[in-house]
């Protein structure tokens, strides 16, 4: 009976890769391929902006690091999803001072790297983040463990011919700012192994 309830909660979450708690992912990129297989820990549905998208929380057993694999499903059935990989670069406890920094046309990280806002970059004034909600499914329990409002700001920069992205999100429940850095990944650079769903 409890497995049935868990499956119902899992079916409420957008899961474009159709993974389960036994699935794994492997990357064909020198920065990540030495990590071997990553396991999926959580599925996070982001209802932010025009279309919902999914974030998968990945875990590397090699260096005990978590990454976020972001997937945007295409409106066209045959088209491959748009995918990004992020790592958590920093967290900042809520402060009015940092809230006034988020949304500026340019933002500079503590190491001196400058990013430009992706949304309306031609505007010099501060822009509020995109508001939405998230739902978090824990794959080990099959239960939705969190539903919370969120505000998101997106930035980018060009480096060595690659576009690098900086994403700031603020959870409304605790006010914590989480800063992610990552890049877009083509489908040929990763492979998902579905795994057997033993439940």
N, C-alpha and C. Protein backbone atom coordinates (compact mmCIF):
# COMPACT_ATOMS: atom_id res chain seq x y z
N UNK A 1 0.82 -1.20 0.00
CA UNK A 1 0.00 0.00 0.00
C UNK A 1 0.86 1.26 0.00
N UNK A 2 1.93 1.24 0.81
CA UNK A 2 2.78 2.43 0.89
C UNK A 2 3.53 2.66 -0.42
N UNK A 3 3.97 1.58 -1.10
CA UNK A 3 4.64 1.74 -2.39
C UNK A 3 3.71 2.40 -3.39
N UNK A 4 2.42 2.03 -3.35
CA UNK A 4 1.44 2.61 -4.26
C UNK A 4 1.33 4.12 -4.04
N UNK A 5 1.31 4.54 -2.77
CA UNK A 5 1.23 5.96 -2.46
C UNK A 5 2.49 6.68 -2.94
N UNK A 6 3.65 6.06 -2.73
CA UNK A 6 4.90 6.67 -3.16
C UNK A 6 4.93 6.85 -4.68
N UNK A 7 4.45 5.84 -5.40
CA UNK A 7 4.44 5.92 -6.86
C UNK A 7 3.54 7.05 -7.33
N UNK A 8 2.43 7.28 -6.63
CA UNK A 8 1.55 8.39 -7.00
C UNK A 8 2.26 9.72 -6.84
N UNK A 9 3.01 9.89 -5.74
CA UNK A 9 3.76 11.14 -5.54
C UNK A 9 4.83 11.29 -6.62
N UNK A 10 5.51 10.20 -6.94
CA UNK A 10 6.56 10.27 -7.96
C UNK A 10 5.98 10.65 -9.32
N UNK A 11 4.77 10.18 -9.61
CA UNK A 11 4.17 10.47 -10.91
C UNK A 11 3.73 11.93 -11.03
N UNK A 12 3.68 12.65 -9.91
CA UNK A 12 3.31 14.07 -9.94
C UNK A 12 4.47 14.96 -10.40
N UNK A 13 5.68 14.43 -10.36
CA UNK A 13 6.88 15.21 -10.67
C UNK A 13 7.29 15.02 -12.13
N UNK A 14 7.64 16.11 -12.78
CA UNK A 14 8.11 16.07 -14.16
C UNK A 14 9.46 15.36 -14.20
N UNK A 15 9.54 14.25 -14.96
CA UNK A 15 10.72 13.41 -14.98
C UNK A 15 11.06 13.05 -16.44
N UNK A 16 11.58 14.04 -17.22
CA UNK A 16 11.80 13.80 -18.65
C UNK A 16 12.80 12.69 -18.97
N UNK A 17 13.71 12.37 -18.05
CA UNK A 17 14.66 11.29 -18.30
C UNK A 17 14.12 9.92 -17.87
N UNK A 18 12.93 9.92 -17.27
CA UNK A 18 12.28 8.68 -16.81
C UNK A 18 13.18 7.83 -15.92
N UNK A 19 13.89 8.50 -15.02
CA UNK A 19 14.81 7.77 -14.16
C UNK A 19 14.08 7.30 -12.90
N UNK A 20 14.72 6.36 -12.18
CA UNK A 20 14.23 5.92 -10.88
C UNK A 20 15.41 5.91 -9.92
N UNK A 21 15.20 5.44 -8.70
CA UNK A 21 16.26 5.53 -7.69
C UNK A 21 17.48 4.65 -8.01
N UNK A 22 17.35 3.72 -8.96
CA UNK A 22 18.47 2.85 -9.32
C UNK A 22 19.19 3.32 -10.59
N UNK A 23 18.74 4.41 -11.18
CA UNK A 23 19.36 4.92 -12.41
C UNK A 23 20.70 5.60 -12.11
N UNK A 24 21.53 5.68 -13.16
CA UNK A 24 22.83 6.34 -13.05
C UNK A 24 23.08 7.15 -14.32
N UNK A 25 24.04 8.06 -14.24
CA UNK A 25 24.42 8.86 -15.40
C UNK A 25 25.94 8.94 -15.46
N UNK A 26 26.46 8.95 -16.68
CA UNK A 26 27.91 9.02 -16.91
C UNK A 26 28.17 10.14 -17.92
N UNK A 27 29.23 10.93 -17.69
CA UNK A 27 29.55 12.05 -18.56
C UNK A 27 30.81 11.77 -19.37
N UNK A 28 30.79 12.17 -20.64
CA UNK A 28 31.93 12.03 -21.52
C UNK A 28 32.57 13.40 -21.70
N UNK A 29 33.07 13.94 -20.61
CA UNK A 29 33.72 15.25 -20.60
C UNK A 29 34.85 15.18 -19.59
N UNK A 30 36.04 15.65 -19.95
CA UNK A 30 37.21 15.39 -19.11
C UNK A 30 37.06 15.88 -17.67
N UNK A 31 36.28 16.96 -17.46
CA UNK A 31 36.10 17.46 -16.10
C UNK A 31 35.30 16.50 -15.22
N UNK A 32 34.48 15.66 -15.85
CA UNK A 32 33.58 14.79 -15.07
C UNK A 32 33.75 13.30 -15.34
N UNK A 33 34.40 12.92 -16.45
CA UNK A 33 34.44 11.50 -16.78
C UNK A 33 35.23 10.67 -15.77
N UNK A 34 36.19 11.28 -15.08
CA UNK A 34 36.94 10.55 -14.06
C UNK A 34 36.11 10.25 -12.82
N UNK A 35 34.96 10.92 -12.73
CA UNK A 35 34.06 10.68 -11.59
C UNK A 35 33.32 9.36 -11.73
N UNK A 36 33.33 8.77 -12.93
CA UNK A 36 32.61 7.52 -13.13
C UNK A 36 31.11 7.77 -13.17
N UNK A 37 30.36 6.86 -12.56
CA UNK A 37 28.91 6.96 -12.56
C UNK A 37 28.41 7.86 -11.44
N UNK A 38 27.42 8.68 -11.76
CA UNK A 38 26.73 9.50 -10.77
C UNK A 38 25.38 8.84 -10.49
N UNK A 39 24.96 8.88 -9.24
CA UNK A 39 23.63 8.38 -8.91
C UNK A 39 22.67 9.55 -8.79
N UNK A 40 21.39 9.26 -8.96
CA UNK A 40 20.35 10.27 -8.84
C UNK A 40 19.81 10.24 -7.42
N UNK A 41 19.78 11.40 -6.76
CA UNK A 41 19.32 11.47 -5.37
C UNK A 41 17.91 12.07 -5.27
N UNK A 42 17.66 13.14 -6.03
CA UNK A 42 16.38 13.85 -5.95
C UNK A 42 15.98 14.35 -7.33
N UNK A 43 14.66 14.51 -7.51
CA UNK A 43 14.14 15.17 -8.70
C UNK A 43 13.45 16.44 -8.23
N UNK A 44 13.83 17.57 -8.81
CA UNK A 44 13.30 18.87 -8.40
C UNK A 44 12.56 19.47 -9.60
N UNK A 45 11.25 19.61 -9.46
CA UNK A 45 10.48 20.26 -10.53
C UNK A 45 10.46 21.75 -10.28
N UNK A 46 10.93 22.51 -11.28
CA UNK A 46 11.00 23.96 -11.19
C UNK A 46 9.87 24.55 -12.03
N UNK A 47 8.88 25.14 -11.38
CA UNK A 47 7.81 25.84 -12.10
C UNK A 47 8.15 27.33 -12.05
N UNK A 48 9.11 27.71 -12.88
CA UNK A 48 9.64 29.07 -12.92
C UNK A 48 9.64 29.53 -14.37
N UNK A 49 9.07 30.68 -14.65
CA UNK A 49 9.04 31.16 -16.03
C UNK A 49 7.91 30.53 -16.82
N UNK A 50 8.11 30.45 -18.15
CA UNK A 50 7.05 30.02 -19.06
C UNK A 50 6.74 28.53 -18.99
N UNK A 51 7.77 27.70 -18.87
CA UNK A 51 7.57 26.25 -18.92
C UNK A 51 8.26 25.59 -17.73
N UNK A 52 7.62 24.58 -17.13
CA UNK A 52 8.30 23.87 -16.04
C UNK A 52 9.51 23.11 -16.59
N UNK A 53 10.52 22.95 -15.76
CA UNK A 53 11.69 22.16 -16.13
C UNK A 53 12.13 21.37 -14.91
N UNK A 54 13.10 20.50 -15.11
CA UNK A 54 13.49 19.56 -14.07
C UNK A 54 14.96 19.70 -13.72
N UNK A 55 15.24 19.61 -12.44
CA UNK A 55 16.62 19.49 -11.97
C UNK A 55 16.77 18.15 -11.27
N UNK A 56 17.83 17.43 -11.64
CA UNK A 56 18.15 16.18 -10.97
C UNK A 56 19.36 16.42 -10.08
N UNK A 57 19.26 16.06 -8.81
CA UNK A 57 20.40 16.17 -7.91
C UNK A 57 21.22 14.90 -8.06
N UNK A 58 22.48 15.05 -8.51
CA UNK A 58 23.37 13.93 -8.75
C UNK A 58 24.41 13.84 -7.65
N UNK A 59 24.89 12.63 -7.41
CA UNK A 59 25.91 12.43 -6.38
C UNK A 59 27.05 11.61 -6.97
N UNK A 60 28.28 12.10 -6.77
CA UNK A 60 29.48 11.39 -7.19
C UNK A 60 30.09 10.69 -5.99
N UNK A 61 30.21 9.37 -6.05
CA UNK A 61 30.82 8.63 -4.94
C UNK A 61 32.33 8.82 -4.90
N UNK A 62 32.92 9.20 -6.04
CA UNK A 62 34.38 9.35 -6.11
C UNK A 62 34.86 10.47 -5.19
N UNK A 63 34.24 11.66 -5.31
CA UNK A 63 34.68 12.77 -4.47
C UNK A 63 33.56 13.28 -3.54
N UNK A 64 32.49 12.48 -3.42
CA UNK A 64 31.37 12.81 -2.54
C UNK A 64 30.86 14.24 -2.78
N UNK A 65 30.65 14.54 -4.07
CA UNK A 65 30.19 15.86 -4.49
C UNK A 65 28.83 15.76 -5.13
N UNK A 66 28.01 16.79 -4.93
CA UNK A 66 26.70 16.85 -5.57
C UNK A 66 26.74 17.82 -6.75
N UNK A 67 26.04 17.46 -7.80
CA UNK A 67 25.87 18.31 -8.98
C UNK A 67 24.38 18.40 -9.30
N UNK A 68 24.02 19.41 -10.07
CA UNK A 68 22.64 19.56 -10.52
C UNK A 68 22.63 19.39 -12.04
N UNK A 69 21.80 18.47 -12.53
CA UNK A 69 21.64 18.24 -13.96
C UNK A 69 20.27 18.78 -14.33
N UNK A 70 20.25 19.86 -15.12
CA UNK A 70 19.02 20.57 -15.44
C UNK A 70 18.55 20.17 -16.84
N UNK A 71 17.26 19.84 -16.96
CA UNK A 71 16.72 19.35 -18.23
C UNK A 71 15.48 20.15 -18.62
N UNK A 72 15.53 20.72 -19.83
CA UNK A 72 14.38 21.40 -20.41
C UNK A 72 13.84 20.52 -21.53
N UNK A 73 12.63 20.03 -21.39
CA UNK A 73 12.02 19.21 -22.43
C UNK A 73 11.64 20.09 -23.61
N UNK A 74 11.87 19.58 -24.82
CA UNK A 74 11.50 20.31 -26.03
C UNK A 74 10.00 20.21 -26.26
N UNK A 75 9.43 21.24 -26.87
CA UNK A 75 8.02 21.22 -27.24
C UNK A 75 7.78 20.23 -28.39
N UNK A 76 8.82 19.96 -29.17
CA UNK A 76 8.72 19.00 -30.27
C UNK A 76 9.10 17.62 -29.76
N UNK A 77 8.30 16.63 -30.09
CA UNK A 77 8.49 15.28 -29.56
C UNK A 77 9.85 14.70 -29.90
N UNK A 78 10.33 14.90 -31.12
CA UNK A 78 11.56 14.25 -31.59
C UNK A 78 12.83 14.96 -31.12
N UNK A 79 12.71 16.22 -30.73
CA UNK A 79 13.90 17.01 -30.38
C UNK A 79 14.49 16.55 -29.05
N UNK A 80 15.82 16.60 -28.98
CA UNK A 80 16.51 16.22 -27.74
C UNK A 80 16.31 17.31 -26.69
N UNK A 81 16.28 16.92 -25.42
CA UNK A 81 16.12 17.94 -24.38
C UNK A 81 17.36 18.83 -24.28
N UNK A 82 17.16 20.03 -23.78
CA UNK A 82 18.25 20.97 -23.53
C UNK A 82 18.76 20.67 -22.12
N UNK A 83 20.06 20.43 -21.97
CA UNK A 83 20.59 19.99 -20.67
C UNK A 83 21.77 20.84 -20.21
N UNK A 84 21.87 21.03 -18.90
CA UNK A 84 22.93 21.81 -18.27
C UNK A 84 23.42 21.06 -17.03
N UNK A 85 24.70 21.23 -16.69
CA UNK A 85 25.24 20.70 -15.44
C UNK A 85 25.78 21.85 -14.62
N UNK A 86 25.36 21.89 -13.34
CA UNK A 86 25.78 22.94 -12.41
C UNK A 86 26.40 22.31 -11.16
N UNK A 87 27.30 23.04 -10.53
CA UNK A 87 27.74 22.68 -9.18
C UNK A 87 27.45 23.87 -8.27
N UNK A 88 27.24 23.59 -7.02
CA UNK A 88 26.95 24.65 -6.04
C UNK A 88 28.26 25.35 -5.71
N UNK A 89 28.36 26.63 -6.08
CA UNK A 89 29.59 27.38 -5.88
C UNK A 89 29.63 28.07 -4.52
N UNK A 90 28.47 28.55 -4.05
CA UNK A 90 28.45 29.30 -2.79
C UNK A 90 27.03 29.39 -2.26
N UNK A 91 26.92 29.66 -0.99
CA UNK A 91 25.63 29.98 -0.37
C UNK A 91 25.80 31.27 0.42
N UNK A 92 24.75 32.08 0.44
CA UNK A 92 24.78 33.36 1.16
C UNK A 92 23.51 33.46 1.98
N UNK A 93 23.64 33.60 3.32
CA UNK A 93 22.44 33.79 4.13
C UNK A 93 21.70 35.06 3.70
N UNK A 94 20.39 35.07 3.88
CA UNK A 94 19.60 36.20 3.43
C UNK A 94 20.10 37.52 4.02
N UNK A 95 20.23 38.52 3.14
CA UNK A 95 20.53 39.88 3.58
C UNK A 95 19.96 40.82 2.53
N UNK A 96 19.49 41.98 2.97
CA UNK A 96 18.97 42.99 2.03
C UNK A 96 20.08 43.45 1.09
N UNK A 97 21.32 43.49 1.60
CA UNK A 97 22.45 43.94 0.79
C UNK A 97 22.66 43.02 -0.41
N UNK A 98 22.63 41.68 -0.17
CA UNK A 98 22.83 40.76 -1.29
C UNK A 98 21.60 40.74 -2.19
N UNK A 99 20.43 40.92 -1.63
CA UNK A 99 19.21 40.97 -2.44
C UNK A 99 19.30 42.12 -3.45
N UNK A 100 19.94 43.22 -3.06
CA UNK A 100 20.11 44.36 -3.96
C UNK A 100 21.19 44.12 -5.01
N UNK A 101 22.08 43.16 -4.76
CA UNK A 101 23.11 42.79 -5.74
C UNK A 101 22.49 41.90 -6.81
N UNK A 102 21.67 40.92 -6.38
CA UNK A 102 21.02 40.02 -7.33
C UNK A 102 20.12 40.83 -8.25
N UNK A 103 20.26 40.64 -9.54
CA UNK A 103 19.44 41.36 -10.50
C UNK A 103 20.15 42.53 -11.16
N UNK A 104 21.35 42.91 -10.67
CA UNK A 104 22.11 43.95 -11.36
C UNK A 104 22.52 43.45 -12.73
N UNK A 105 22.83 44.35 -13.63
CA UNK A 105 23.21 43.95 -14.99
C UNK A 105 24.44 43.05 -14.98
N UNK A 106 25.42 43.37 -14.13
CA UNK A 106 26.63 42.56 -14.00
C UNK A 106 26.77 42.10 -12.57
N UNK A 107 27.32 40.90 -12.42
CA UNK A 107 27.61 40.41 -11.07
C UNK A 107 29.01 39.81 -11.10
N UNK A 108 29.80 40.05 -10.06
CA UNK A 108 31.17 39.56 -9.99
C UNK A 108 31.31 38.62 -8.82
N UNK A 109 31.85 37.43 -9.06
CA UNK A 109 32.05 36.44 -8.00
C UNK A 109 33.26 36.84 -7.16
N UNK A 110 33.41 36.26 -5.97
CA UNK A 110 34.54 36.62 -5.11
C UNK A 110 35.91 36.44 -5.75
N UNK A 111 36.03 35.53 -6.74
CA UNK A 111 37.33 35.35 -7.41
C UNK A 111 37.56 36.33 -8.56
N UNK A 112 36.61 37.31 -8.74
CA UNK A 112 36.79 38.34 -9.74
C UNK A 112 36.20 38.04 -11.11
N UNK A 113 35.48 36.93 -11.24
CA UNK A 113 34.86 36.58 -12.52
C UNK A 113 33.55 37.35 -12.69
N UNK A 114 33.39 38.00 -13.86
CA UNK A 114 32.21 38.82 -14.10
C UNK A 114 31.23 38.11 -15.05
N UNK A 115 29.95 38.15 -14.69
CA UNK A 115 28.87 37.58 -15.49
C UNK A 115 27.87 38.68 -15.82
N UNK A 116 27.20 38.53 -16.98
CA UNK A 116 26.17 39.48 -17.39
C UNK A 116 24.80 38.82 -17.29
N UNK A 117 23.83 39.59 -16.83
CA UNK A 117 22.47 39.07 -16.69
C UNK A 117 21.95 38.58 -18.04
N UNK A 118 21.30 37.40 -18.08
CA UNK A 118 20.76 36.84 -19.33
C UNK A 118 19.45 37.51 -19.72
N UNK A 119 18.63 37.85 -18.75
CA UNK A 119 17.32 38.43 -19.02
C UNK A 119 17.45 39.93 -19.21
N UNK A 120 17.01 40.42 -20.35
CA UNK A 120 17.05 41.84 -20.69
C UNK A 120 18.43 42.46 -20.39
N UNK A 121 19.49 41.93 -21.00
CA UNK A 121 20.84 42.45 -20.71
C UNK A 121 21.04 43.90 -21.13
N UNK A 122 20.17 44.39 -22.03
CA UNK A 122 20.31 45.78 -22.47
C UNK A 122 19.87 46.78 -21.40
N UNK A 123 19.18 46.32 -20.36
CA UNK A 123 18.71 47.22 -19.29
C UNK A 123 19.77 47.37 -18.22
N UNK A 124 20.05 48.59 -17.84
CA UNK A 124 21.08 48.83 -16.83
C UNK A 124 20.55 48.71 -15.40
N UNK A 125 19.28 48.90 -15.22
CA UNK A 125 18.73 48.90 -13.87
C UNK A 125 18.51 47.47 -13.36
N UNK A 126 18.34 47.37 -12.06
CA UNK A 126 18.14 46.07 -11.42
C UNK A 126 16.82 45.47 -11.84
N UNK A 127 16.82 44.16 -12.07
CA UNK A 127 15.61 43.44 -12.44
C UNK A 127 15.32 42.39 -11.39
N UNK A 128 14.06 42.32 -10.97
CA UNK A 128 13.68 41.29 -9.99
C UNK A 128 13.85 39.92 -10.61
N UNK A 129 14.06 38.94 -9.76
CA UNK A 129 14.20 37.57 -10.22
C UNK A 129 12.88 37.01 -10.73
N UNK A 130 12.98 35.89 -11.42
CA UNK A 130 11.78 35.19 -11.88
C UNK A 130 11.25 34.36 -10.72
N UNK A 131 9.97 34.55 -10.41
CA UNK A 131 9.39 33.87 -9.25
C UNK A 131 8.70 32.59 -9.69
N UNK A 132 8.70 31.62 -8.80
CA UNK A 132 8.03 30.36 -9.08
C UNK A 132 7.99 29.48 -7.86
N UNK A 133 7.74 28.20 -8.09
CA UNK A 133 7.69 27.22 -7.00
C UNK A 133 8.53 26.01 -7.39
N UNK A 134 8.99 25.30 -6.38
CA UNK A 134 9.68 24.03 -6.63
C UNK A 134 9.04 22.94 -5.79
N UNK A 135 9.13 21.72 -6.31
CA UNK A 135 8.73 20.53 -5.56
C UNK A 135 9.88 19.55 -5.64
N UNK A 136 10.24 18.96 -4.49
CA UNK A 136 11.40 18.08 -4.42
C UNK A 136 10.95 16.65 -4.09
N UNK A 137 11.31 15.72 -4.96
CA UNK A 137 11.02 14.30 -4.74
C UNK A 137 12.29 13.60 -4.32
N UNK A 138 12.30 12.99 -3.14
CA UNK A 138 13.42 12.18 -2.68
C UNK A 138 13.27 10.79 -3.31
N UNK A 139 14.23 10.38 -4.13
CA UNK A 139 14.11 9.11 -4.84
C UNK A 139 14.22 7.91 -3.92
N UNK A 140 14.91 8.06 -2.78
CA UNK A 140 15.05 6.93 -1.86
C UNK A 140 13.75 6.61 -1.13
N UNK A 141 12.97 7.64 -0.83
CA UNK A 141 11.71 7.41 -0.13
C UNK A 141 10.51 7.42 -1.06
N UNK A 142 10.67 8.01 -2.26
CA UNK A 142 9.56 8.13 -3.19
C UNK A 142 8.55 9.18 -2.77
N UNK A 143 8.94 10.07 -1.85
CA UNK A 143 8.01 11.07 -1.33
C UNK A 143 8.45 12.48 -1.70
N UNK A 144 7.48 13.37 -1.89
CA UNK A 144 7.78 14.79 -2.08
C UNK A 144 8.11 15.36 -0.70
N UNK A 145 9.33 15.84 -0.55
CA UNK A 145 9.81 16.29 0.76
C UNK A 145 9.75 17.79 0.95
N UNK A 146 9.55 18.53 -0.15
CA UNK A 146 9.56 19.98 -0.03
C UNK A 146 8.75 20.62 -1.14
N UNK A 147 7.96 21.62 -0.78
CA UNK A 147 7.27 22.49 -1.74
C UNK A 147 7.50 23.90 -1.24
N UNK A 148 8.11 24.74 -2.06
CA UNK A 148 8.48 26.07 -1.58
C UNK A 148 8.53 27.05 -2.75
N UNK A 149 8.28 28.33 -2.45
CA UNK A 149 8.43 29.38 -3.45
C UNK A 149 9.90 29.72 -3.61
N UNK A 150 10.27 30.16 -4.82
CA UNK A 150 11.67 30.44 -5.11
C UNK A 150 11.74 31.65 -6.04
N UNK A 151 12.86 32.35 -5.98
CA UNK A 151 13.14 33.45 -6.92
C UNK A 151 14.49 33.17 -7.55
N UNK A 152 14.58 33.33 -8.90
CA UNK A 152 15.77 32.92 -9.65
C UNK A 152 16.28 34.07 -10.51
N UNK A 153 17.62 34.23 -10.54
CA UNK A 153 18.30 35.19 -11.42
C UNK A 153 19.32 34.42 -12.25
N UNK A 154 19.42 34.73 -13.55
CA UNK A 154 20.33 34.02 -14.45
C UNK A 154 21.35 34.96 -15.08
N UNK A 155 22.61 34.51 -15.13
CA UNK A 155 23.72 35.27 -15.71
C UNK A 155 24.54 34.34 -16.61
N UNK A 156 25.38 34.94 -17.47
CA UNK A 156 26.26 34.14 -18.31
C UNK A 156 27.52 34.92 -18.64
N UNK A 157 28.53 34.19 -19.13
CA UNK A 157 29.75 34.81 -19.64
C UNK A 157 30.34 33.87 -20.68
N UNK A 158 31.15 34.43 -21.57
CA UNK A 158 31.85 33.64 -22.58
C UNK A 158 33.28 33.44 -22.11
N UNK A 159 33.75 32.19 -22.15
CA UNK A 159 35.13 31.91 -21.77
C UNK A 159 35.67 30.78 -22.63
N UNK A 160 36.73 31.05 -23.38
CA UNK A 160 37.36 30.06 -24.26
C UNK A 160 36.34 29.42 -25.21
N UNK A 161 35.46 30.22 -25.75
CA UNK A 161 34.48 29.72 -26.70
C UNK A 161 33.32 28.94 -26.09
N UNK A 162 33.26 28.90 -24.76
CA UNK A 162 32.20 28.18 -24.07
C UNK A 162 31.38 29.19 -23.27
N UNK A 163 30.05 29.03 -23.28
CA UNK A 163 29.20 29.87 -22.45
C UNK A 163 29.05 29.23 -21.08
N UNK A 164 29.43 29.97 -20.07
CA UNK A 164 29.31 29.50 -18.69
C UNK A 164 28.16 30.26 -18.03
N UNK A 165 27.38 29.56 -17.26
CA UNK A 165 26.19 30.16 -16.65
C UNK A 165 26.34 30.25 -15.13
N UNK A 166 25.78 31.33 -14.59
CA UNK A 166 25.70 31.51 -13.15
C UNK A 166 24.22 31.68 -12.82
N UNK A 167 23.75 30.89 -11.89
CA UNK A 167 22.34 30.88 -11.51
C UNK A 167 22.25 31.15 -10.01
N UNK A 168 21.46 32.16 -9.65
CA UNK A 168 21.22 32.46 -8.23
C UNK A 168 19.78 32.13 -7.93
N UNK A 169 19.56 31.36 -6.88
CA UNK A 169 18.18 31.10 -6.46
C UNK A 169 18.03 31.42 -4.99
N UNK A 170 16.88 31.96 -4.63
CA UNK A 170 16.59 32.26 -3.23
C UNK A 170 15.30 31.53 -2.84
N UNK A 171 15.45 30.62 -1.87
CA UNK A 171 14.29 29.91 -1.34
C UNK A 171 13.55 30.83 -0.39
N UNK A 172 12.23 30.91 -0.56
CA UNK A 172 11.44 31.82 0.26
C UNK A 172 11.28 31.33 1.71
N UNK A 173 11.48 30.03 1.95
CA UNK A 173 11.27 29.52 3.31
C UNK A 173 12.40 29.90 4.26
N UNK A 174 13.65 29.89 3.77
CA UNK A 174 14.76 30.23 4.65
C UNK A 174 15.54 31.46 4.18
N UNK A 175 15.24 31.99 2.98
CA UNK A 175 15.91 33.18 2.48
C UNK A 175 17.33 32.95 2.01
N UNK A 176 17.80 31.70 2.07
CA UNK A 176 19.18 31.41 1.67
C UNK A 176 19.35 31.56 0.17
N UNK A 177 20.42 32.24 -0.24
CA UNK A 177 20.78 32.35 -1.64
C UNK A 177 21.73 31.20 -1.98
N UNK A 178 21.45 30.49 -3.05
CA UNK A 178 22.33 29.43 -3.53
C UNK A 178 22.84 29.83 -4.91
N UNK A 179 24.15 29.78 -5.09
CA UNK A 179 24.78 30.24 -6.33
C UNK A 179 25.39 29.04 -7.04
N UNK A 180 24.89 28.78 -8.25
CA UNK A 180 25.34 27.64 -9.05
C UNK A 180 26.10 28.14 -10.28
N UNK A 181 27.14 27.39 -10.68
CA UNK A 181 27.89 27.69 -11.89
C UNK A 181 27.90 26.43 -12.75
N UNK A 182 27.68 26.61 -14.06
CA UNK A 182 27.66 25.43 -14.91
C UNK A 182 27.68 25.78 -16.38
N UNK A 183 27.43 24.77 -17.21
CA UNK A 183 27.42 24.97 -18.65
C UNK A 183 26.46 23.99 -19.30
N UNK A 184 26.13 24.29 -20.56
CA UNK A 184 25.21 23.43 -21.32
C UNK A 184 25.95 22.19 -21.79
N UNK A 185 25.25 21.05 -21.81
CA UNK A 185 25.82 19.79 -22.25
C UNK A 185 25.01 19.24 -23.41
N UNK A 186 25.68 18.84 -24.47
CA UNK A 186 25.01 18.19 -25.58
C UNK A 186 24.72 16.74 -25.21
N UNK A 187 23.73 16.16 -25.86
CA UNK A 187 23.31 14.79 -25.56
C UNK A 187 24.41 13.77 -25.72
N UNK A 188 25.36 14.01 -26.64
CA UNK A 188 26.44 13.06 -26.87
C UNK A 188 27.44 13.01 -25.70
N UNK A 189 27.36 13.98 -24.81
CA UNK A 189 28.33 14.08 -23.72
C UNK A 189 27.87 13.39 -22.43
N UNK A 190 26.72 12.76 -22.45
CA UNK A 190 26.28 12.02 -21.27
C UNK A 190 25.43 10.83 -21.69
N UNK A 191 25.37 9.85 -20.80
CA UNK A 191 24.53 8.67 -21.05
C UNK A 191 23.83 8.30 -19.76
N UNK A 192 22.51 8.11 -19.87
CA UNK A 192 21.69 7.73 -18.71
C UNK A 192 21.45 6.24 -18.75
N UNK A 193 21.72 5.58 -17.62
CA UNK A 193 21.42 4.15 -17.46
C UNK A 193 20.20 4.07 -16.55
N UNK A 194 19.11 3.54 -17.08
CA UNK A 194 17.84 3.61 -16.36
C UNK A 194 17.86 2.83 -15.05
N UNK A 195 18.49 1.68 -15.01
CA UNK A 195 18.47 0.88 -13.79
C UNK A 195 17.14 0.18 -13.63
N UNK A 196 17.14 -0.87 -12.86
CA UNK A 196 15.90 -1.62 -12.61
C UNK A 196 15.18 -1.04 -11.41
N UNK A 197 13.91 -0.77 -11.57
CA UNK A 197 13.09 -0.29 -10.44
C UNK A 197 12.59 -1.52 -9.71
N UNK A 198 13.22 -1.80 -8.57
CA UNK A 198 12.94 -3.05 -7.85
C UNK A 198 11.70 -2.98 -6.99
N UNK A 199 11.12 -1.78 -6.83
CA UNK A 199 9.93 -1.66 -5.98
C UNK A 199 8.69 -2.15 -6.69
